[in-house]
């Protein structure tokens, strides 16, 4: 069974940067579309960024376009989320998710994903 473990969260001041990592074990990531989601306090889970299995296609929520970058290292079974120019509204628990896929498939819909990590807390505050 695919297992996902996120890391890299923490407390950062507004305008700062963080890089989240999600390491996979159990299966190779080459056949999975991947995504990052977040849940802010009192809000529904929100798709932040997603990437196709080969890494050629990405998609971002409007709220993070130009600030966040998703990337993947299939050789080492890791997906990253580089977060720059962080804002207080980026605060939340960030989750990575994976779904078997191919080609250009990627999605910001959480219901499309079967495998989830446990989450890592990101707090943006002065």
Protein backbone atom coordinates (compact mmCIF):
# COMPACT_ATOMS: atom_id res chain seq x y z
CA UNK A 1 0.00 0.00 0.00
CA UNK A 2 1.27 3.46 -0.89
CA UNK A 3 2.24 5.48 2.17
CA UNK A 4 2.81 9.22 2.12
CA UNK A 5 4.63 11.24 4.78
CA UNK A 6 4.72 15.03 4.71
CA UNK A 7 7.38 17.22 6.30
CA UNK A 8 8.65 20.77 6.22
CA UNK A 9 5.84 22.62 7.89
CA UNK A 10 6.35 25.21 10.59
CA UNK A 11 5.91 28.80 11.67
CA UNK A 12 6.93 31.51 9.22
CA UNK A 13 6.42 35.25 9.03
CA UNK A 14 4.30 36.81 6.29
CA UNK A 15 6.35 37.14 3.12
CA UNK A 16 8.52 34.19 4.05
CA UNK A 17 9.01 30.85 2.36
CA UNK A 18 8.68 27.17 3.19
CA UNK A 19 9.27 24.01 1.20
CA UNK A 20 7.06 21.04 1.98
CA UNK A 21 8.10 17.52 1.08
CA UNK A 22 6.05 14.38 0.74
CA UNK A 23 7.93 11.10 0.68
CA UNK A 24 6.31 7.97 -0.68
CA UNK A 25 6.97 4.35 0.18
CA UNK A 26 5.43 1.07 -0.81
CA UNK A 27 5.08 1.87 -4.50
CA UNK A 28 6.93 3.87 -7.10
CA UNK A 29 5.45 7.32 -7.67
CA UNK A 30 5.94 7.12 -11.44
CA UNK A 31 2.34 5.99 -11.97
CA UNK A 32 0.63 8.49 -9.70
CA UNK A 33 -0.78 11.92 -10.17
CA UNK A 34 0.02 13.95 -7.05
CA UNK A 35 -1.46 16.94 -5.33
CA UNK A 36 -1.24 19.16 -2.28
CA UNK A 37 -4.33 20.14 -0.33
CA UNK A 38 -4.81 22.26 2.75
CA UNK A 39 -7.40 22.66 5.43
CA UNK A 40 -7.59 26.01 7.17
CA UNK A 41 -9.29 26.29 10.57
CA UNK A 42 -13.05 26.25 10.10
CA UNK A 43 -12.84 25.74 6.35
CA UNK A 44 -13.23 22.88 3.91
CA UNK A 45 -10.26 21.08 2.40
CA UNK A 46 -8.90 23.06 -0.57
CA UNK A 47 -6.84 21.89 -3.51
CA UNK A 48 -3.64 23.92 -3.74
CA UNK A 49 -1.54 22.39 -6.52
CA UNK A 50 -1.38 19.21 -8.56
CA UNK A 51 1.02 17.55 -10.99
CA UNK A 52 0.73 14.79 -13.55
CA UNK A 53 2.57 11.49 -13.19
CA UNK A 54 5.39 12.53 -15.51
CA UNK A 55 5.60 16.04 -14.13
CA UNK A 56 4.76 17.73 -17.42
CA UNK A 57 1.42 19.20 -16.34
CA UNK A 58 0.62 21.27 -13.28
CA UNK A 59 -2.36 23.19 -12.00
CA UNK A 60 -2.75 25.67 -9.17
CA UNK A 61 -5.54 27.22 -7.16
CA UNK A 62 -6.01 30.88 -8.06
CA UNK A 63 -5.13 31.85 -4.50
CA UNK A 64 -1.57 30.51 -4.83
CA UNK A 65 -0.72 31.08 -8.49
CA UNK A 66 2.63 32.80 -8.88
CA UNK A 67 3.59 32.04 -5.27
CA UNK A 68 3.58 28.23 -4.97
CA UNK A 69 5.37 25.68 -7.13
CA UNK A 70 4.76 21.95 -7.16
CA UNK A 71 7.46 19.60 -8.39
CA UNK A 72 8.31 15.94 -8.16
CA UNK A 73 11.36 13.71 -8.06
CA UNK A 74 10.19 10.32 -9.26
CA UNK A 75 13.62 8.76 -8.83
CA UNK A 76 13.50 9.48 -5.10
CA UNK A 77 9.70 9.20 -4.70
CA UNK A 78 9.20 12.72 -3.39
CA UNK A 79 6.84 15.53 -4.26
CA UNK A 80 7.56 19.10 -3.18
CA UNK A 81 5.59 22.26 -2.63
CA UNK A 82 7.68 25.42 -2.67
CA UNK A 83 5.72 28.20 -1.00
CA UNK A 84 6.92 31.78 -1.38
CA UNK A 85 5.45 35.14 -0.38
CA UNK A 86 3.38 33.41 2.27
CA UNK A 87 0.32 35.11 3.66
CA UNK A 88 -1.58 34.55 6.92
CA UNK A 89 -4.43 33.05 4.89
CA UNK A 90 -2.07 30.25 3.80
CA UNK A 91 -2.17 28.91 7.35
CA UNK A 92 -3.50 25.39 7.65
CA UNK A 93 -2.68 21.71 7.64
CA UNK A 94 -1.17 20.68 4.32
CA UNK A 95 -1.70 17.20 2.94
CA UNK A 96 -0.26 15.41 -0.05
CA UNK A 97 -2.35 12.95 -1.99
CA UNK A 98 -1.79 10.43 -4.77
CA UNK A 99 -3.92 8.65 -7.35
CA UNK A 100 -2.97 6.10 -9.99
CA UNK A 101 -2.98 7.90 -13.33
CA UNK A 102 -1.17 8.48 -16.58
CA UNK A 103 -0.60 11.12 -19.22
CA UNK A 104 -1.78 14.63 -18.46
CA UNK A 105 -4.18 13.69 -15.66
CA UNK A 106 -4.10 15.82 -12.56
CA UNK A 107 -6.84 17.19 -10.34
CA UNK A 108 -7.52 19.62 -7.52
CA UNK A 109 -10.62 17.64 -6.51
CA UNK A 110 -9.86 15.79 -3.26
CA UNK A 111 -12.46 13.13 -4.05
CA UNK A 112 -10.28 11.97 -6.94
CA UNK A 113 -7.52 10.76 -4.60
CA UNK A 114 -7.31 7.51 -2.64
CA UNK A 115 -3.97 7.86 -0.85
CA UNK A 116 -3.29 10.60 1.69
CA UNK A 117 -0.56 11.62 4.07
CA UNK A 118 -1.11 12.60 7.69
CA UNK A 119 -0.54 16.32 7.11
CA UNK A 120 1.93 18.96 8.24
CA UNK A 121 1.01 22.25 9.93
CA UNK A 122 1.90 25.55 8.28
CA UNK A 123 1.38 28.71 10.28
CA UNK A 124 2.00 32.14 8.76
CA UNK A 125 2.05 34.77 11.46
CA UNK A 126 4.09 37.67 12.71
